[in-house]
Amino acid sequence: MFGYVRANLNDLSEQEKARYRAFYCGLCQSLGERHGQRGRMALSFDMTFLTMFLGSLYEPEERSGEMRCVPHPARPHPFVRTEITDYAADMTVALSYYKCLDDWQDDRKPAAKAGADLLARRYDVVKERWPMQTAAIEASLQELSEVEKRRDESPDAAAGAFGRLMGGLFVMKDDYWRGALRAFGTSLGRFIYLSDAACDYDKDKKSGSYNPVVLMGRAPEDMRDVLMQTLGAASTAFESMPMLRDEHILRNVLYSGVWQTYNESMEKRKDGEKRG
């Protein structure tokens, strides 16, 4: 379910694009330092959003500069890092590890098994550093697995389990903001899960894989109202927090960027029906 939480670059200024990419490069740098090249393979803009989101709330000291990397050795790239970048790097490894396990269990892909094996030791390190967050991930994924096995027809069951995973991910500290952060992450996670189910509708219907939207008997393009309601809960939590740093970028992601994958998928489906 990577790839949903990204900025709509068309609506960002050049300065905002540069800062957004600098956080992405900072996360890449942190992944390399903390988890090696195998960690860098899990780099995503989804976790870049987590870095900027928590950074906006807590306003930690930033460290910036330029770096060269293996994928782009020709010229240095600007980066921005904070203490939250390292947290996001660890959570990236945790999610990637479980994604590999899930892909192996679902499809028996050898590459997924190899990926999980490579990340297993790094996950153990992350688990020792962040026991509360990894416990939430493990419990939520176990719950999600049980929902999928019994093929629960209610979209709330699976979306709720994934929402609780994301809710735990956003709670970096056990402090005053934990309630609002958990509420935001939970609602965003529900949105991601239901968006992913809508986008995978045709593939899952053909293969028989578990998909609550298929089981509901509802067309994926008709899920927009449900998705808007779910994202509305995330927006309410977001607006309750004093987000000042990078506010426009965060709003861009939350109110526009997260819709891009769903909109693109529905357009492709519409074009396919016309050709069919």
C-alpha atoms as a PDB file:
ATOM      1  CA  MET A   1       0.000   0.000   0.000  1.00  0.00           C
ATOM      2  CA  PHE A   2       2.895   2.296  -0.640  1.00  0.00           C
ATOM      3  CA  GLY A   3       2.500   5.207  -3.011  1.00  0.00           C
ATOM      4  CA  TYR A   4      -0.764   6.769  -1.855  1.00  0.00           C
ATOM      5  CA  VAL A   5       0.514   9.502   0.453  1.00  0.00           C
ATOM      6  CA  ARG A   6       2.398  11.789  -1.927  1.00  0.00           C
ATOM      7  CA  ALA A   7       2.306  15.413  -2.936  1.00  0.00           C
ATOM      8  CA  ASN A   8       0.542  16.774  -5.982  1.00  0.00           C
ATOM      9  CA  LEU A   9       3.634  18.410  -7.468  1.00  0.00           C
ATOM     10  CA  ASN A  10       1.579  20.421  -9.966  1.00  0.00           C
ATOM     11  CA  ASP A  11       0.258  22.544  -7.117  1.00  0.00           C
ATOM     12  CA  LEU A  12       3.553  23.185  -5.340  1.00  0.00           C
ATOM     13  CA  SER A  13       5.937  26.059  -5.938  1.00  0.00           C
ATOM     14  CA  GLU A  14       9.484  25.302  -7.071  1.00  0.00           C
ATOM     15  CA  GLN A  15      10.713  26.163  -3.584  1.00  0.00           C
ATOM     16  CA  GLU A  16       8.212  23.763  -2.011  1.00  0.00           C
ATOM     17  CA  LYS A  17       9.142  21.012  -4.452  1.00  0.00           C
ATOM     18  CA  ALA A  18      12.799  21.457  -3.544  1.00  0.00           C
ATOM     19  CA  ARG A  19      12.061  21.230   0.184  1.00  0.00           C
ATOM     20  CA  TYR A  20       9.841  18.182  -0.278  1.00  0.00           C
ATOM     21  CA  ARG A  21      12.587  16.410  -2.239  1.00  0.00           C
ATOM     22  CA  ALA A  22      15.166  17.459   0.350  1.00  0.00           C
ATOM     23  CA  PHE A  23      13.211  15.618   3.041  1.00  0.00           C
ATOM     24  CA  TYR A  24      12.980  12.604   0.704  1.00  0.00           C
ATOM     25  CA  CYS A  25      16.768  12.663   0.242  1.00  0.00           C
ATOM     26  CA  GLY A  26      17.228  13.077   3.995  1.00  0.00           C
ATOM     27  CA  LEU A  27      15.150   9.974   4.592  1.00  0.00           C
ATOM     28  CA  CYS A  28      17.212   8.088   2.008  1.00  0.00           C
ATOM     29  CA  GLN A  29      20.394   9.160   3.779  1.00  0.00           C
ATOM     30  CA  SER A  30      19.066   8.050   7.154  1.00  0.00           C
ATOM     31  CA  LEU A  31      17.964   4.685   5.772  1.00  0.00           C
ATOM     32  CA  GLY A  32      21.438   4.116   4.374  1.00  0.00           C
ATOM     33  CA  GLU A  33      23.181   5.034   7.600  1.00  0.00           C
ATOM     34  CA  ARG A  34      20.882   3.064   9.889  1.00  0.00           C
ATOM     35  CA  HIS A  35      20.005   0.070   7.717  1.00  0.00           C
ATOM     36  CA  GLY A  36      22.374  -0.063   4.742  1.00  0.00           C
ATOM     37  CA  GLN A  37      21.492  -0.341   1.076  1.00  0.00           C
ATOM     38  CA  ARG A  38      18.750  -2.869   1.778  1.00  0.00           C
ATOM     39  CA  GLY A  39      17.015  -0.203   3.847  1.00  0.00           C
ATOM     40  CA  ARG A  40      17.252   2.342   1.054  1.00  0.00           C
ATOM     41  CA  MET A  41      15.309  -0.017  -1.207  1.00  0.00           C
ATOM     42  CA  ALA A  42      12.226   0.703   0.922  1.00  0.00           C
ATOM     43  CA  LEU A  43      12.395   4.491   0.455  1.00  0.00           C
ATOM     44  CA  SER A  44       9.011   6.084  -0.224  1.00  0.00           C
ATOM     45  CA  PHE A  45       7.279   9.447  -0.316  1.00  0.00           C
ATOM     46  CA  ASP A  46       4.674   8.049   2.097  1.00  0.00           C
ATOM     47  CA  MET A  47       7.220   8.080   4.907  1.00  0.00           C
ATOM     48  CA  THR A  48       8.551  11.427   3.741  1.00  0.00           C
ATOM     49  CA  PHE A  49       5.108  12.752   4.639  1.00  0.00           C
ATOM     50  CA  LEU A  50       5.411  11.212   8.111  1.00  0.00           C
ATOM     51  CA  THR A  51       8.738  13.006   8.575  1.00  0.00           C
ATOM     52  CA  MET A  52       7.337  16.380   7.531  1.00  0.00           C
ATOM     53  CA  PHE A  53       4.053  15.912   9.401  1.00  0.00           C
ATOM     54  CA  LEU A  54       5.656  15.164  12.767  1.00  0.00           C
ATOM     55  CA  GLY A  55       8.312  17.776  12.057  1.00  0.00           C
ATOM     56  CA  SER A  56       5.625  20.402  11.585  1.00  0.00           C
ATOM     57  CA  LEU A  57       4.054  19.505  14.912  1.00  0.00           C
ATOM     58  CA  TYR A  58       7.196  19.175  17.031  1.00  0.00           C
ATOM     59  CA  GLU A  59       9.481  21.571  15.116  1.00  0.00           C
ATOM     60  CA  PRO A  60      12.762  19.750  15.847  1.00  0.00           C
ATOM     61  CA  GLU A  61      16.115  21.229  14.879  1.00  0.00           C
ATOM     62  CA  GLU A  62      16.889  20.675  11.208  1.00  0.00           C
ATOM     63  CA  ARG A  63      20.207  19.692   9.693  1.00  0.00           C
ATOM     64  CA  SER A  64      20.625  20.432   5.987  1.00  0.00           C
ATOM     65  CA  GLY A  65      23.327  20.052   3.373  1.00  0.00           C
ATOM     66  CA  GLU A  66      24.086  18.291   0.109  1.00  0.00           C
ATOM     67  CA  MET A  67      24.873  14.637  -0.592  1.00  0.00           C
ATOM     68  CA  ARG A  68      25.762  12.286  -3.400  1.00  0.00           C
ATOM     69  CA  CYS A  69      24.238   8.830  -3.466  1.00  0.00           C
ATOM     70  CA  VAL A  70      24.546   5.571  -5.405  1.00  0.00           C
ATOM     71  CA  PRO A  71      21.383   6.102  -7.518  1.00  0.00           C
ATOM     72  CA  HIS A  72      22.399   9.706  -8.357  1.00  0.00           C
ATOM     73  CA  PRO A  73      26.197   9.990  -8.162  1.00  0.00           C
ATOM     74  CA  ALA A  74      26.649  12.700 -10.788  1.00  0.00           C
ATOM     75  CA  ARG A  75      25.807  15.684  -8.618  1.00  0.00           C
ATOM     76  CA  PRO A  76      25.013  16.355  -4.966  1.00  0.00           C
ATOM     77  CA  HIS A  77      21.417  16.704  -3.843  1.00  0.00           C
ATOM     78  CA  PRO A  78      20.123  18.905  -1.023  1.00  0.00           C
ATOM     79  CA  PHE A  79      18.834  17.084   2.048  1.00  0.00           C
ATOM     80  CA  VAL A  80      17.037  17.969   5.283  1.00  0.00           C
ATOM     81  CA  ARG A  81      17.160  15.754   8.363  1.00  0.00           C
ATOM     82  CA  THR A  82      15.825  15.874  11.919  1.00  0.00           C
ATOM     83  CA  GLU A  83      15.515  13.360  14.743  1.00  0.00           C
ATOM     84  CA  ILE A  84      12.151  12.436  13.240  1.00  0.00           C
ATOM     85  CA  THR A  85      13.853  11.422   9.984  1.00  0.00           C
ATOM     86  CA  ASP A  86      15.558   8.582  11.839  1.00  0.00           C
ATOM     87  CA  TYR A  87      12.241   7.504  13.348  1.00  0.00           C
ATOM     88  CA  ALA A  88      10.637   7.496   9.892  1.00  0.00           C
ATOM     89  CA  ALA A  89      13.569   5.455   8.538  1.00  0.00           C
ATOM     90  CA  ASP A  90      13.029   2.807  11.206  1.00  0.00           C
ATOM     91  CA  MET A  91       9.288   2.693  10.550  1.00  0.00           C
ATOM     92  CA  THR A  92      10.010   2.376   6.820  1.00  0.00           C
ATOM     93  CA  VAL A  93      12.036  -0.758   7.469  1.00  0.00           C
ATOM     94  CA  ALA A  94       9.333  -2.193   9.725  1.00  0.00           C
ATOM     95  CA  LEU A  95       6.593  -1.679   7.135  1.00  0.00           C
ATOM     96  CA  SER A  96       8.756  -2.947   4.289  1.00  0.00           C
ATOM     97  CA  TYR A  97       9.611  -6.096   6.223  1.00  0.00           C
ATOM     98  CA  TYR A  98       5.961  -6.910   6.768  1.00  0.00           C
ATOM     99  CA  LYS A  99       5.052  -6.015   3.203  1.00  0.00           C
ATOM    100  CA  CYS A 100       7.597  -8.560   1.978  1.00  0.00           C
ATOM    101  CA  LEU A 101       6.180 -11.169   4.355  1.00  0.00           C
ATOM    102  CA  ASP A 102       2.653 -10.431   3.162  1.00  0.00           C
ATOM    103  CA  ASP A 103       3.636 -10.700  -0.506  1.00  0.00           C
ATOM    104  CA  TRP A 104       5.359 -14.014   0.194  1.00  0.00           C
ATOM    105  CA  GLN A 105       2.363 -15.431   2.070  1.00  0.00           C
ATOM    106  CA  ASP A 106      -0.132 -14.238  -0.548  1.00  0.00           C
ATOM    107  CA  ASP A 107       1.680 -14.953  -3.811  1.00  0.00           C
ATOM    108  CA  ARG A 108       4.740 -17.029  -2.863  1.00  0.00           C
ATOM    109  CA  LYS A 109       7.001 -14.633  -4.704  1.00  0.00           C
ATOM    110  CA  PRO A 110      10.648 -15.668  -4.182  1.00  0.00           C
ATOM    111  CA  ALA A 111      11.742 -12.016  -4.323  1.00  0.00           C
ATOM    112  CA  ALA A 112       9.408 -11.197  -1.439  1.00  0.00           C
ATOM    113  CA  LYS A 113      10.820 -14.050   0.665  1.00  0.00           C
ATOM    114  CA  ALA A 114      14.353 -12.863  -0.091  1.00  0.00           C
ATOM    115  CA  GLY A 115      13.409  -9.305   0.840  1.00  0.00           C
ATOM    116  CA  ALA A 116      11.916 -10.400   4.158  1.00  0.00           C
ATOM    117  CA  ASP A 117      15.010 -12.473   4.954  1.00  0.00           C
ATOM    118  CA  LEU A 118      17.275  -9.518   4.215  1.00  0.00           C
ATOM    119  CA  LEU A 119      15.258  -7.184   6.441  1.00  0.00           C
ATOM    120  CA  ALA A 120      14.616  -9.594   9.323  1.00  0.00           C
ATOM    121  CA  ARG A 121      17.660  -8.567  11.373  1.00  0.00           C
ATOM    122  CA  ARG A 122      17.050  -4.885  10.721  1.00  0.00           C
ATOM    123  CA  TYR A 123      13.475  -5.315  11.893  1.00  0.00           C
ATOM    124  CA  ASP A 124      14.724  -6.849  15.141  1.00  0.00           C
ATOM    125  CA  VAL A 125      16.811  -3.699  15.683  1.00  0.00           C
ATOM    126  CA  VAL A 126      13.805  -1.472  15.000  1.00  0.00           C
ATOM    127  CA  LYS A 127      11.647  -3.561  17.332  1.00  0.00           C
ATOM    128  CA  GLU A 128      14.120  -3.054  20.165  1.00  0.00           C
ATOM    129  CA  ARG A 129      14.202   0.716  19.540  1.00  0.00           C
ATOM    130  CA  TRP A 130      10.462   1.201  19.142  1.00  0.00           C
ATOM    131  CA  PRO A 131       8.569  -1.556  21.020  1.00  0.00           C
ATOM    132  CA  MET A 132       5.276   0.368  21.262  1.00  0.00           C
ATOM    133  CA  GLN A 133       5.094   1.075  17.531  1.00  0.00           C
ATOM    134  CA  THR A 134       6.172  -2.391  16.372  1.00  0.00           C
ATOM    135  CA  ALA A 135       3.717  -4.013  18.786  1.00  0.00           C
ATOM    136  CA  ALA A 136       0.944  -1.943  17.186  1.00  0.00           C
ATOM    137  CA  ILE A 137       2.088  -2.982  13.716  1.00  0.00           C
ATOM    138  CA  GLU A 138       2.201  -6.676  14.638  1.00  0.00           C
ATOM    139  CA  ALA A 139      -1.188  -6.656  16.382  1.00  0.00           C
ATOM    140  CA  SER A 140      -2.885  -4.769  13.552  1.00  0.00           C
ATOM    141  CA  LEU A 141      -1.471  -7.009  10.838  1.00  0.00           C
ATOM    142  CA  GLN A 142      -2.496 -10.114  12.781  1.00  0.00           C
ATOM    143  CA  GLU A 143      -6.010  -8.700  13.032  1.00  0.00           C
ATOM    144  CA  LEU A 144      -6.005  -7.841   9.327  1.00  0.00           C
ATOM    145  CA  SER A 145      -4.882 -11.375   8.454  1.00  0.00           C
ATOM    146  CA  GLU A 146      -7.763 -12.853  10.449  1.00  0.00           C
ATOM    147  CA  VAL A 147     -10.263 -10.522   8.757  1.00  0.00           C
ATOM    148  CA  GLU A 148      -9.006 -11.559   5.328  1.00  0.00           C
ATOM    149  CA  LYS A 149      -9.052 -15.271   6.181  1.00  0.00           C
ATOM    150  CA  ARG A 150     -12.688 -15.161   7.240  1.00  0.00           C
ATOM    151  CA  ARG A 151     -13.447 -12.927   4.230  1.00  0.00           C
ATOM    152  CA  ASP A 152     -15.366 -10.386   6.280  1.00  0.00           C
ATOM    153  CA  GLU A 153     -17.795  -8.545   3.996  1.00  0.00           C
ATOM    154  CA  SER A 154     -17.740  -5.364   6.050  1.00  0.00           C
ATOM    155  CA  PRO A 155     -15.180  -2.836   4.785  1.00  0.00           C
ATOM    156  CA  ASP A 156     -14.860  -1.496   8.331  1.00  0.00           C
ATOM    157  CA  ALA A 157     -13.166  -4.619   9.672  1.00  0.00           C
ATOM    158  CA  ALA A 158     -10.130  -4.618   7.391  1.00  0.00           C
ATOM    159  CA  ALA A 159      -9.917  -0.843   7.023  1.00  0.00           C
ATOM    160  CA  GLY A 160     -10.116  -0.473  10.791  1.00  0.00           C
ATOM    161  CA  ALA A 161      -7.254  -2.920  11.344  1.00  0.00           C
ATOM    162  CA  PHE A 162      -5.004  -1.111   8.888  1.00  0.00           C
ATOM    163  CA  GLY A 163      -6.112   2.205  10.329  1.00  0.00           C
ATOM    164  CA  ARG A 164      -4.957   1.154  13.785  1.00  0.00           C
ATOM    165  CA  LEU A 165      -1.578   0.231  12.310  1.00  0.00           C
ATOM    166  CA  MET A 166      -1.190   3.720  10.863  1.00  0.00           C
ATOM    167  CA  GLY A 167      -2.521   5.279  14.044  1.00  0.00           C
ATOM    168  CA  GLY A 168       0.248   3.617  16.025  1.00  0.00           C
ATOM    169  CA  LEU A 169       2.824   4.728  13.474  1.00  0.00           C
ATOM    170  CA  PHE A 170       2.010   8.417  13.912  1.00  0.00           C
ATOM    171  CA  VAL A 171       2.403   8.268  17.690  1.00  0.00           C
ATOM    172  CA  MET A 172       6.140   8.743  18.033  1.00  0.00           C
ATOM    173  CA  LYS A 173       5.899  10.066  21.599  1.00  0.00           C
ATOM    174  CA  ASP A 174       3.540   9.294  24.458  1.00  0.00           C
ATOM    175  CA  ASP A 175       2.633  12.920  25.015  1.00  0.00           C
ATOM    176  CA  TYR A 176      -0.212  15.444  24.860  1.00  0.00           C
ATOM    177  CA  TRP A 177      -0.631  15.046  21.085  1.00  0.00           C
ATOM    178  CA  ARG A 178      -0.883  11.250  21.024  1.00  0.00           C
ATOM    179  CA  GLY A 179      -4.696  11.270  20.833  1.00  0.00           C
ATOM    180  CA  ALA A 180      -4.913  13.619  17.863  1.00  0.00           C
ATOM    181  CA  LEU A 181      -2.007  11.879  16.126  1.00  0.00           C
ATOM    182  CA  ARG A 182      -3.575   8.461  16.596  1.00  0.00           C
ATOM    183  CA  ALA A 183      -6.920   9.734  15.301  1.00  0.00           C
ATOM    184  CA  PHE A 184      -5.254  11.262  12.258  1.00  0.00           C
ATOM    185  CA  GLY A 185      -3.174   8.187  11.438  1.00  0.00           C
ATOM    186  CA  THR A 186      -6.128   5.846  11.951  1.00  0.00           C
ATOM    187  CA  SER A 187      -8.368   7.781   9.562  1.00  0.00           C
ATOM    188  CA  LEU A 188      -5.592   8.149   6.996  1.00  0.00           C
ATOM    189  CA  GLY A 189      -4.903   4.410   7.224  1.00  0.00           C
ATOM    190  CA  ARG A 190      -8.565   3.610   6.630  1.00  0.00           C
ATOM    191  CA  PHE A 191      -8.515   5.872   3.573  1.00  0.00           C
ATOM    192  CA  ILE A 192      -5.381   4.165   2.218  1.00  0.00           C
ATOM    193  CA  TYR A 193      -6.809   0.674   2.694  1.00  0.00           C
ATOM    194  CA  LEU A 194     -10.139   1.464   1.039  1.00  0.00           C
ATOM    195  CA  SER A 195      -8.441   3.362  -1.806  1.00  0.00           C
ATOM    196  CA  ASP A 196      -6.159   0.405  -2.402  1.00  0.00           C
ATOM    197  CA  ALA A 197      -9.125  -1.980  -2.390  1.00  0.00           C
ATOM    198  CA  ALA A 198     -10.944   0.182  -4.943  1.00  0.00           C
ATOM    199  CA  CYS A 199      -7.867   0.410  -7.164  1.00  0.00           C
ATOM    200  CA  ASP A 200      -7.331  -3.382  -6.997  1.00  0.00           C
ATOM    201  CA  TYR A 201     -11.006  -4.147  -7.609  1.00  0.00           C
ATOM    202  CA  ASP A 202     -10.704  -5.698 -11.087  1.00  0.00           C
ATOM    203  CA  LYS A 203      -7.519  -7.623 -10.328  1.00  0.00           C
ATOM    204  CA  ASP A 204      -8.854  -9.042  -7.069  1.00  0.00           C
ATOM    205  CA  LYS A 205     -12.265  -9.875  -8.545  1.00  0.00           C
ATOM    206  CA  LYS A 206     -10.555 -11.886 -11.256  1.00  0.00           C
ATOM    207  CA  SER A 207      -8.149 -13.682  -8.926  1.00  0.00           C
ATOM    208  CA  GLY A 208     -10.574 -14.164  -6.058  1.00  0.00           C
ATOM    209  CA  SER A 209      -8.304 -12.365  -3.600  1.00  0.00           C
ATOM    210  CA  TYR A 210      -9.929 -10.790  -0.576  1.00  0.00           C
ATOM    211  CA  ASN A 211     -11.266  -7.320  -1.321  1.00  0.00           C
ATOM    212  CA  PRO A 212     -14.068  -5.752   0.751  1.00  0.00           C
ATOM    213  CA  VAL A 213     -15.182  -3.499  -2.109  1.00  0.00           C
ATOM    214  CA  VAL A 214     -15.754  -6.582  -4.286  1.00  0.00           C
ATOM    215  CA  LEU A 215     -17.613  -8.322  -1.462  1.00  0.00           C
ATOM    216  CA  MET A 216     -19.787  -5.232  -0.953  1.00  0.00           C
ATOM    217  CA  GLY A 217     -20.931  -5.511  -4.564  1.00  0.00           C
ATOM    218  CA  ARG A 218     -20.113  -1.859  -5.032  1.00  0.00           C
ATOM    219  CA  ALA A 219     -18.320  -0.415  -8.071  1.00  0.00           C
ATOM    220  CA  PRO A 220     -14.931   1.126  -7.189  1.00  0.00           C
ATOM    221  CA  GLU A 221     -15.837   4.503  -8.688  1.00  0.00           C
ATOM    222  CA  ASP A 222     -18.808   4.618  -6.293  1.00  0.00           C
ATOM    223  CA  MET A 223     -16.462   4.527  -3.299  1.00  0.00           C
ATOM    224  CA  ARG A 224     -15.621   8.223  -3.544  1.00  0.00           C
ATOM    225  CA  ASP A 225     -18.225   9.298  -0.988  1.00  0.00           C
ATOM    226  CA  VAL A 226     -16.953   6.732   1.524  1.00  0.00           C
ATOM    227  CA  LEU A 227     -13.382   7.844   0.930  1.00  0.00           C
ATOM    228  CA  MET A 228     -14.309  11.509   1.361  1.00  0.00           C
ATOM    229  CA  GLN A 229     -16.020  10.760   4.663  1.00  0.00           C
ATOM    230  CA  THR A 230     -13.012   8.780   5.881  1.00  0.00           C
ATOM    231  CA  LEU A 231     -10.566  11.486   4.875  1.00  0.00           C
ATOM    232  CA  GLY A 232     -12.789  14.069   6.518  1.00  0.00           C
ATOM    233  CA  ALA A 233     -12.067  12.480   9.890  1.00  0.00           C
ATOM    234  CA  ALA A 234      -8.338  12.749   9.189  1.00  0.00           C
ATOM    235  CA  SER A 235      -8.798  16.401   8.225  1.00  0.00           C
ATOM    236  CA  THR A 236     -10.593  17.143  11.492  1.00  0.00           C
ATOM    237  CA  ALA A 237      -7.692  15.679  13.483  1.00  0.00           C
ATOM    238  CA  PHE A 238      -5.182  17.546  11.318  1.00  0.00           C
ATOM    239  CA  GLU A 239      -6.896  20.890  11.875  1.00  0.00           C
ATOM    240  CA  SER A 240      -6.830  20.349  15.652  1.00  0.00           C
ATOM    241  CA  MET A 241      -3.016  20.452  15.699  1.00  0.00           C
ATOM    242  CA  PRO A 242      -0.793  23.551  15.345  1.00  0.00           C
ATOM    243  CA  MET A 243       0.827  22.725  12.014  1.00  0.00           C
ATOM    244  CA  LEU A 244       2.838  25.724  10.851  1.00  0.00           C
ATOM    245  CA  ARG A 245       6.089  24.444   9.373  1.00  0.00           C
ATOM    246  CA  ASP A 246       5.509  23.234   5.779  1.00  0.00           C
ATOM    247  CA  GLU A 247       1.768  23.750   6.257  1.00  0.00           C
ATOM    248  CA  HIS A 248       1.042  24.221   2.550  1.00  0.00           C
ATOM    249  CA  ILE A 249       2.913  21.048   1.562  1.00  0.00           C
ATOM    250  CA  LEU A 250       1.056  19.022   4.195  1.00  0.00           C
ATOM    251  CA  ARG A 251      -2.295  20.382   3.056  1.00  0.00           C
ATOM    252  CA  ASN A 252      -1.343  19.638  -0.540  1.00  0.00           C
ATOM    253  CA  VAL A 253      -0.711  15.990   0.324  1.00  0.00           C
ATOM    254  CA  LEU A 254      -3.791  15.589   2.511  1.00  0.00           C
ATOM    255  CA  TYR A 255      -6.344  17.411   0.376  1.00  0.00           C
ATOM    256  CA  SER A 256      -5.024  16.664  -3.114  1.00  0.00           C
ATOM    257  CA  GLY A 257      -2.061  14.319  -3.254  1.00  0.00           C
ATOM    258  CA  VAL A 258      -3.662  11.319  -1.550  1.00  0.00           C
ATOM    259  CA  TRP A 259      -6.382  11.256  -4.213  1.00  0.00           C
ATOM    260  CA  GLN A 260      -3.978  10.916  -7.142  1.00  0.00           C
ATOM    261  CA  THR A 261      -3.650   7.118  -7.192  1.00  0.00           C
ATOM    262  CA  TYR A 262      -7.387   6.580  -6.851  1.00  0.00           C
ATOM    263  CA  ASN A 263      -8.223   9.166  -9.522  1.00  0.00           C
ATOM    264  CA  GLU A 264      -5.629   7.757 -11.925  1.00  0.00           C
ATOM    265  CA  SER A 265      -6.956   4.233 -11.391  1.00  0.00           C
ATOM    266  CA  MET A 266     -10.561   5.259 -11.977  1.00  0.00           C
ATOM    267  CA  GLU A 267      -9.583   7.102 -15.178  1.00  0.00           C
ATOM    268  CA  LYS A 268      -7.799   3.999 -16.483  1.00  0.00           C
ATOM    269  CA  ARG A 269     -10.812   1.877 -15.621  1.00  0.00           C
ATOM    270  CA  LYS A 270     -13.110   4.311 -17.423  1.00  0.00           C
ATOM    271  CA  ASP A 271     -10.894   4.296 -20.514  1.00  0.00           C
ATOM    272  CA  GLY A 272     -10.773   0.492 -20.431  1.00  0.00           C
ATOM    273  CA  GLU A 273     -14.562   0.272 -20.372  1.00  0.00           C
ATOM    274  CA  LYS A 274     -14.786   2.634 -23.359  1.00  0.00           C
ATOM    275  CA  ARG A 275     -12.352   0.506 -25.362  1.00  0.00           C
ATOM    276  CA  GLY A 276     -14.131  -2.656 -24.278  1.00  0.00           C
END
